[in-house]
Structures are given as C-alpha cells and as structure tokens.
Amino acid sequence: MALPQVKSSKQKLICRKLGFLVYPEFMDNYFVHSGDKRLAHFLCELRKNVLKVRFAILPDYKYNLMERLVNWNPRINWIFPLHRKSELRYVEKLNVKWIGFPHRRKWRDYTLNWFLQLPYRKWYMGFWNESQPQVLLTFDGFDTTIPIYTVFRKGRIWIDWNTYQKADIPADMKLEISLRNFRRAVNEILVVTRLD
C-alpha cells in the first residue's frame, strides 16, 4: 500500500510506522494531476533518491524515456501505467514485471476483467473505490489518497469504507487514526476472503 502526496517528515514517519510506502520509496509521476508539467521534477527526484526508491510509476506515454529508465535502474519495481490495450507491446519490450490500472475509466480503453487476465503483477493506480474495496484483492499493490484526502481536505477521520468522523484533534493524530483504520479495513477484506 502506497500513499502519494504525504508532505511532512512527521507524517511520513507515521505512514512508514504503519507499513505504508511513501515518497521516496514510492514515486508517483503525477501525470493525472499535471500532465507532463512535473516530468522534469519527477526525473530530478528519481535521480536524487535512486537508492531509496522501491516502486515508481513510469512516465505516461513516454516510451523511449521509459526504456531508458528501466535500463538505467532495473532494481526499481517499475510500474507501467497501462492506458490502452495497444501499449502492451511496450510492456513486453521493456520486460517490466508490473502494470498499472488507472482508477478513472477515462484514462483507459479496457475493462478491469480484461486487465486482470494479463500475466503481470498488477498495481491499482489511484484506488478510490470505497463502495467495492474487495477489488483490491485482485491486485498485488495499490496507491490511494483516500486517508490523506479525508484528513487534510475534509478535516475528518477515516473510520471505514464510506464512513468518516469529525474530530477536534491535531491533523497528525487524525492521520494516524485514519491510517490505522484504513489498514484494519484492508486486512479485514483479506481475512474475510480467506475464510470464504
């Protein structure tokens, strides 16, 4: 589980303590939010933190750059952001192990079922499907902003799927409680599935 957009060192420590990947262990390229505008920043941060990066999402649609990055550091778990079925030829050419499923339908030309049939490790990019969290069971990894958004944009504590609570406590405490609740909720999905 990875959390992009965690800002402060204190917040990163809270996330890591609870077993979440954060920057720089997980590097999002922020294409969905800013297109190519942050590509130079992404590349600079990648070089600066190369020994710390464990997972990174390759730059969307930049196939030559993807190839250079994969060859530059094959130790990193590169995630190919698969938007179109036709991009599979690049996945095969690059020999990456991970492919990313964009949460938003407008960012892909295929269905979840089609994606799940592919013979690669699967990453859910930008998970935000609280009404069907069991979909996470079909993925090997995911990133989400659900707890971060709930705490820092809504000022609430994430309690459970689609359940939030106001609290007059510091944001860092809200974050820790929300992350504990989120981890518990994901683990409960795993336990219930094993019992079935």
C-alpha atoms as a PDB file:
ATOM      1  CA  MET A   1       0.000   0.000   0.000  1.00  0.00           C
ATOM      2  CA  ALA A   2       1.385   3.341  -1.016  1.00  0.00           C
ATOM      3  CA  LEU A   3       0.362   6.882  -0.177  1.00  0.00           C
ATOM      4  CA  PRO A   4       1.409   9.583  -2.625  1.00  0.00           C
ATOM      5  CA  GLN A   5       1.123  13.216  -1.532  1.00  0.00           C
ATOM      6  CA  VAL A   6       2.342  12.815   2.049  1.00  0.00           C
ATOM      7  CA  LYS A   7       4.191  16.051   2.727  1.00  0.00           C
ATOM      8  CA  SER A   8       5.882  16.430   6.093  1.00  0.00           C
ATOM      9  CA  SER A   9       8.619  14.283   7.594  1.00  0.00           C
ATOM     10  CA  LYS A  10       6.483  13.647  10.671  1.00  0.00           C
ATOM     11  CA  GLN A  11       3.579  12.428   8.526  1.00  0.00           C
ATOM     12  CA  LYS A  12       5.920  10.189   6.531  1.00  0.00           C
ATOM     13  CA  LEU A  13       7.169   8.633   9.774  1.00  0.00           C
ATOM     14  CA  ILE A  14       3.584   7.918  10.841  1.00  0.00           C
ATOM     15  CA  CYS A  15       2.863   6.286   7.476  1.00  0.00           C
ATOM     16  CA  ARG A  16       6.025   4.189   7.476  1.00  0.00           C
ATOM     17  CA  LYS A  17       5.437   3.086  11.075  1.00  0.00           C
ATOM     18  CA  LEU A  18       2.064   1.694   9.953  1.00  0.00           C
ATOM     19  CA  GLY A  19       3.558  -0.104   6.948  1.00  0.00           C
ATOM     20  CA  PHE A  20       2.675   2.283   4.114  1.00  0.00           C
ATOM     21  CA  LEU A  21       5.067   3.197   1.324  1.00  0.00           C
ATOM     22  CA  VAL A  22       5.540   6.949   0.863  1.00  0.00           C
ATOM     23  CA  TYR A  23       7.893   9.179  -1.094  1.00  0.00           C
ATOM     24  CA  PRO A  24      10.650   8.385  -1.945  1.00  0.00           C
ATOM     25  CA  GLU A  25      10.054   4.613  -1.521  1.00  0.00           C
ATOM     26  CA  PHE A  26       7.046   5.038  -3.822  1.00  0.00           C
ATOM     27  CA  MET A  27       7.265   7.618  -6.597  1.00  0.00           C
ATOM     28  CA  ASP A  28       4.175   8.709  -8.464  1.00  0.00           C
ATOM     29  CA  ASN A  29       4.809  10.648 -11.658  1.00  0.00           C
ATOM     30  CA  TYR A  30       1.662  12.799 -11.078  1.00  0.00           C
ATOM     31  CA  PHE A  31       0.673  12.601 -14.750  1.00  0.00           C
ATOM     32  CA  VAL A  32      -3.054  12.503 -13.950  1.00  0.00           C
ATOM     33  CA  HIS A  33      -2.776  15.702 -11.900  1.00  0.00           C
ATOM     34  CA  SER A  34      -0.404  17.738 -14.032  1.00  0.00           C
ATOM     35  CA  GLY A  35       0.360  16.040 -17.348  1.00  0.00           C
ATOM     36  CA  ASP A  36       3.976  16.496 -18.394  1.00  0.00           C
ATOM     37  CA  LYS A  37       4.444  19.667 -16.309  1.00  0.00           C
ATOM     38  CA  ARG A  38       6.054  17.769 -13.427  1.00  0.00           C
ATOM     39  CA  LEU A  39       8.079  15.317 -15.521  1.00  0.00           C
ATOM     40  CA  ALA A  40      11.386  17.191 -15.038  1.00  0.00           C
ATOM     41  CA  HIS A  41      10.732  17.328 -11.284  1.00  0.00           C
ATOM     42  CA  PHE A  42       9.927  13.581 -11.234  1.00  0.00           C
ATOM     43  CA  LEU A  43      13.186  12.760 -13.035  1.00  0.00           C
ATOM     44  CA  CYS A  44      15.215  15.014 -10.738  1.00  0.00           C
ATOM     45  CA  GLU A  45      13.683  13.424  -7.612  1.00  0.00           C
ATOM     46  CA  LEU A  46      14.245   9.961  -9.054  1.00  0.00           C
ATOM     47  CA  ARG A  47      17.970  10.632  -9.565  1.00  0.00           C
ATOM     48  CA  LYS A  48      18.325  12.242  -6.149  1.00  0.00           C
ATOM     49  CA  ASN A  49      16.634   9.325  -4.329  1.00  0.00           C
ATOM     50  CA  VAL A  50      17.640   6.416  -6.543  1.00  0.00           C
ATOM     51  CA  LEU A  51      18.853   4.219  -3.673  1.00  0.00           C
ATOM     52  CA  LYS A  52      15.635   4.715  -1.694  1.00  0.00           C
ATOM     53  CA  VAL A  53      13.068   4.148  -4.464  1.00  0.00           C
ATOM     54  CA  ARG A  54      11.367   0.745  -4.351  1.00  0.00           C
ATOM     55  CA  PHE A  55       8.387   1.379  -6.672  1.00  0.00           C
ATOM     56  CA  ALA A  56       7.954   4.068  -9.323  1.00  0.00           C
ATOM     57  CA  ILE A  57       5.309   4.715 -11.937  1.00  0.00           C
ATOM     58  CA  LEU A  58       6.919   5.184 -15.329  1.00  0.00           C
ATOM     59  CA  PRO A  59       6.170   8.448 -17.212  1.00  0.00           C
ATOM     60  CA  ASP A  60       2.888   8.002 -19.092  1.00  0.00           C
ATOM     61  CA  TYR A  61       3.151   7.716 -22.892  1.00  0.00           C
ATOM     62  CA  LYS A  62       6.925   8.442 -22.905  1.00  0.00           C
ATOM     63  CA  TYR A  63       8.038   5.072 -24.260  1.00  0.00           C
ATOM     64  CA  ASN A  64      11.656   5.967 -25.126  1.00  0.00           C
ATOM     65  CA  LEU A  65      12.119   7.551 -21.714  1.00  0.00           C
ATOM     66  CA  MET A  66      10.542   4.515 -20.070  1.00  0.00           C
ATOM     67  CA  GLU A  67      13.088   2.296 -21.770  1.00  0.00           C
ATOM     68  CA  ARG A  68      15.992   4.479 -20.635  1.00  0.00           C
ATOM     69  CA  LEU A  69      14.708   4.472 -17.049  1.00  0.00           C
ATOM     70  CA  VAL A  70      14.185   0.703 -16.895  1.00  0.00           C
ATOM     71  CA  ASN A  71      17.691   0.140 -18.286  1.00  0.00           C
ATOM     72  CA  TRP A  72      19.177   2.824 -16.010  1.00  0.00           C
ATOM     73  CA  ASN A  73      17.961   1.098 -12.846  1.00  0.00           C
ATOM     74  CA  PRO A  74      16.453  -2.388 -13.162  1.00  0.00           C
ATOM     75  CA  ARG A  75      16.408  -2.739  -9.349  1.00  0.00           C
ATOM     76  CA  ILE A  76      13.389  -0.433  -9.077  1.00  0.00           C
ATOM     77  CA  ASN A  77       9.956  -2.052  -9.390  1.00  0.00           C
ATOM     78  CA  TRP A  78       8.817  -0.038 -12.385  1.00  0.00           C
ATOM     79  CA  ILE A  79       5.065   0.170 -12.894  1.00  0.00           C
ATOM     80  CA  PHE A  80       3.941   0.643 -16.483  1.00  0.00           C
ATOM     81  CA  PRO A  81       0.806   2.858 -16.497  1.00  0.00           C
ATOM     82  CA  LEU A  82      -1.337   0.927 -18.980  1.00  0.00           C
ATOM     83  CA  HIS A  83      -3.877   3.249 -20.596  1.00  0.00           C
ATOM     84  CA  ARG A  84      -4.511   1.448 -23.862  1.00  0.00           C
ATOM     85  CA  LYS A  85      -4.533  -2.166 -24.938  1.00  0.00           C
ATOM     86  CA  SER A  86      -2.126  -1.246 -27.727  1.00  0.00           C
ATOM     87  CA  GLU A  87       0.530  -0.330 -25.121  1.00  0.00           C
ATOM     88  CA  LEU A  88       1.060  -3.999 -24.265  1.00  0.00           C
ATOM     89  CA  ARG A  89       3.752  -4.157 -26.950  1.00  0.00           C
ATOM     90  CA  TYR A  90       5.792  -1.656 -24.891  1.00  0.00           C
ATOM     91  CA  VAL A  91       5.223  -3.613 -21.707  1.00  0.00           C
ATOM     92  CA  GLU A  92       6.635  -6.689 -23.446  1.00  0.00           C
ATOM     93  CA  LYS A  93       9.525  -4.750 -24.990  1.00  0.00           C
ATOM     94  CA  LEU A  94      10.516  -3.205 -21.646  1.00  0.00           C
ATOM     95  CA  ASN A  95      10.139  -6.525 -19.842  1.00  0.00           C
ATOM     96  CA  VAL A  96       8.604  -4.833 -16.790  1.00  0.00           C
ATOM     97  CA  LYS A  97       7.008  -7.015 -14.128  1.00  0.00           C
ATOM     98  CA  TRP A  98       4.320  -4.532 -13.003  1.00  0.00           C
ATOM     99  CA  ILE A  99       1.450  -2.933 -14.907  1.00  0.00           C
ATOM    100  CA  GLY A 100      -0.755  -0.189 -13.515  1.00  0.00           C
ATOM    101  CA  PHE A 101      -4.545   0.014 -13.751  1.00  0.00           C
ATOM    102  CA  PRO A 102      -5.808   3.642 -13.777  1.00  0.00           C
ATOM    103  CA  HIS A 103      -8.786   4.072 -11.470  1.00  0.00           C
ATOM    104  CA  ARG A 104     -10.621   6.524 -13.702  1.00  0.00           C
ATOM    105  CA  ARG A 105     -12.348   4.935 -16.683  1.00  0.00           C
ATOM    106  CA  LYS A 106     -11.489   7.902 -18.914  1.00  0.00           C
ATOM    107  CA  TRP A 107      -7.773   7.045 -18.572  1.00  0.00           C
ATOM    108  CA  ARG A 108      -8.096   3.546 -20.094  1.00  0.00           C
ATOM    109  CA  ASP A 109      -9.696   1.816 -23.071  1.00  0.00           C
ATOM    110  CA  TYR A 110     -10.265  -1.555 -21.417  1.00  0.00           C
ATOM    111  CA  THR A 111     -12.196  -3.223 -18.613  1.00  0.00           C
ATOM    112  CA  LEU A 112     -10.996  -4.480 -15.274  1.00  0.00           C
ATOM    113  CA  ASN A 113     -11.693  -8.074 -16.339  1.00  0.00           C
ATOM    114  CA  TRP A 114      -9.501  -7.697 -19.425  1.00  0.00           C
ATOM    115  CA  PHE A 115      -6.695  -6.208 -17.312  1.00  0.00           C
ATOM    116  CA  LEU A 116      -6.842  -8.996 -14.721  1.00  0.00           C
ATOM    117  CA  GLN A 117      -6.187 -11.627 -17.394  1.00  0.00           C
ATOM    118  CA  LEU A 118      -2.753 -10.207 -18.197  1.00  0.00           C
ATOM    119  CA  PRO A 119       0.302 -12.186 -16.989  1.00  0.00           C
ATOM    120  CA  TYR A 120       1.939  -9.400 -14.987  1.00  0.00           C
ATOM    121  CA  ARG A 121       1.934  -8.180 -11.398  1.00  0.00           C
ATOM    122  CA  LYS A 122      -0.884  -5.705 -11.036  1.00  0.00           C
ATOM    123  CA  TRP A 123      -0.920  -2.279  -9.375  1.00  0.00           C
ATOM    124  CA  TYR A 124      -4.114  -0.272  -8.824  1.00  0.00           C
ATOM    125  CA  MET A 125      -3.174   3.344  -9.560  1.00  0.00           C
ATOM    126  CA  GLY A 126      -5.185   5.852  -7.565  1.00  0.00           C
ATOM    127  CA  PHE A 127      -7.586   3.460  -5.824  1.00  0.00           C
ATOM    128  CA  TRP A 128     -10.730   5.349  -4.844  1.00  0.00           C
ATOM    129  CA  ASN A 129     -13.487   2.726  -4.984  1.00  0.00           C
ATOM    130  CA  GLU A 130     -14.794   2.686  -1.414  1.00  0.00           C
ATOM    131  CA  SER A 131     -18.073   1.083  -2.495  1.00  0.00           C
ATOM    132  CA  GLN A 132     -16.223  -2.024  -3.737  1.00  0.00           C
ATOM    133  CA  PRO A 133     -12.985  -2.304  -1.759  1.00  0.00           C
ATOM    134  CA  GLN A 134     -12.817  -6.063  -2.330  1.00  0.00           C
ATOM    135  CA  VAL A 135     -11.481  -5.270  -5.813  1.00  0.00           C
ATOM    136  CA  LEU A 136      -8.128  -4.727  -4.080  1.00  0.00           C
ATOM    137  CA  LEU A 137      -7.856  -8.489  -3.611  1.00  0.00           C
ATOM    138  CA  THR A 138      -7.208  -8.878  -7.331  1.00  0.00           C
ATOM    139  CA  PHE A 139      -4.155  -6.594  -7.201  1.00  0.00           C
ATOM    140  CA  ASP A 140      -0.624  -7.109  -5.926  1.00  0.00           C
ATOM    141  CA  GLY A 141      -0.273  -3.485  -4.832  1.00  0.00           C
ATOM    142  CA  PHE A 142      -2.018  -0.134  -4.913  1.00  0.00           C
ATOM    143  CA  ASP A 143      -1.719   3.537  -4.112  1.00  0.00           C
ATOM    144  CA  THR A 144      -4.504   5.699  -2.753  1.00  0.00           C
ATOM    145  CA  THR A 145      -5.130   9.154  -1.400  1.00  0.00           C
ATOM    146  CA  ILE A 146      -8.325   8.230   0.482  1.00  0.00           C
ATOM    147  CA  PRO A 147      -6.942   8.656   4.036  1.00  0.00           C
ATOM    148  CA  ILE A 148      -4.868  11.717   3.090  1.00  0.00           C
ATOM    149  CA  TYR A 149      -7.807  13.408   1.367  1.00  0.00           C
ATOM    150  CA  THR A 150     -10.160  12.636   4.279  1.00  0.00           C
ATOM    151  CA  VAL A 151      -7.792  14.132   6.852  1.00  0.00           C
ATOM    152  CA  PHE A 152      -6.293  17.102   5.046  1.00  0.00           C
ATOM    153  CA  ARG A 153      -9.083  18.149   2.675  1.00  0.00           C
ATOM    154  CA  LYS A 154     -12.158  17.190   4.683  1.00  0.00           C
ATOM    155  CA  GLY A 155     -10.684  17.588   8.171  1.00  0.00           C
ATOM    156  CA  ARG A 156     -12.145  14.264   9.263  1.00  0.00           C
ATOM    157  CA  ILE A 157     -11.011  10.855  10.441  1.00  0.00           C
ATOM    158  CA  TRP A 158     -11.409   7.940   8.053  1.00  0.00           C
ATOM    159  CA  ILE A 159     -13.319   5.294  10.054  1.00  0.00           C
ATOM    160  CA  ASP A 160     -14.298   2.658   7.500  1.00  0.00           C
ATOM    161  CA  TRP A 161     -15.392   2.401   3.874  1.00  0.00           C
ATOM    162  CA  ASN A 162     -17.567   5.479   3.230  1.00  0.00           C
ATOM    163  CA  THR A 163     -17.592   6.353   6.959  1.00  0.00           C
ATOM    164  CA  TYR A 164     -15.907   9.468   8.342  1.00  0.00           C
ATOM    165  CA  GLN A 165     -15.985  11.329  11.628  1.00  0.00           C
ATOM    166  CA  LYS A 166     -15.274  14.909  12.641  1.00  0.00           C
ATOM    167  CA  ALA A 167     -12.746  15.303  15.440  1.00  0.00           C
ATOM    168  CA  ASP A 168     -11.212  18.314  17.087  1.00  0.00           C
ATOM    169  CA  ILE A 169      -7.692  16.915  17.340  1.00  0.00           C
ATOM    170  CA  PRO A 170      -4.410  17.757  15.539  1.00  0.00           C
ATOM    171  CA  ALA A 171      -4.107  16.663  11.902  1.00  0.00           C
ATOM    172  CA  ASP A 172      -1.235  14.272  12.618  1.00  0.00           C
ATOM    173  CA  MET A 173      -3.398  12.424  15.155  1.00  0.00           C
ATOM    174  CA  LYS A 174      -6.254  12.291  12.625  1.00  0.00           C
ATOM    175  CA  LEU A 175      -3.811  10.894  10.093  1.00  0.00           C
ATOM    176  CA  GLU A 176      -2.535   8.145  12.383  1.00  0.00           C
ATOM    177  CA  ILE A 177      -6.043   7.091  13.435  1.00  0.00           C
ATOM    178  CA  SER A 178      -7.232   7.169   9.802  1.00  0.00           C
ATOM    179  CA  LEU A 179      -4.291   5.073   8.616  1.00  0.00           C
ATOM    180  CA  ARG A 180      -4.789   2.506  11.386  1.00  0.00           C
ATOM    181  CA  ASN A 181      -8.463   2.273  10.422  1.00  0.00           C
ATOM    182  CA  PHE A 182      -7.630   2.012   6.720  1.00  0.00           C
ATOM    183  CA  ARG A 183      -5.083  -0.757   7.304  1.00  0.00           C
ATOM    184  CA  ARG A 184      -7.578  -2.620   9.504  1.00  0.00           C
ATOM    185  CA  ALA A 185     -10.298  -2.325   6.844  1.00  0.00           C
ATOM    186  CA  VAL A 186      -7.998  -3.675   4.114  1.00  0.00           C
ATOM    187  CA  ASN A 187      -6.849  -6.517   6.399  1.00  0.00           C
ATOM    188  CA  GLU A 188     -10.469  -7.398   7.200  1.00  0.00           C
ATOM    189  CA  ILE A 189     -11.145  -7.850   3.474  1.00  0.00           C
ATOM    190  CA  LEU A 190      -8.195 -10.256   3.314  1.00  0.00           C
ATOM    191  CA  VAL A 191      -9.328 -12.221   6.383  1.00  0.00           C
ATOM    192  CA  VAL A 192     -12.957 -12.497   5.251  1.00  0.00           C
ATOM    193  CA  THR A 193     -11.842 -13.693   1.831  1.00  0.00           C
ATOM    194  CA  ARG A 194      -9.589 -16.381   3.332  1.00  0.00           C
ATOM    195  CA  LEU A 195     -12.481 -17.626   5.475  1.00  0.00           C
ATOM    196  CA  ASP A 196     -14.834 -17.927   2.476  1.00  0.00           C
END
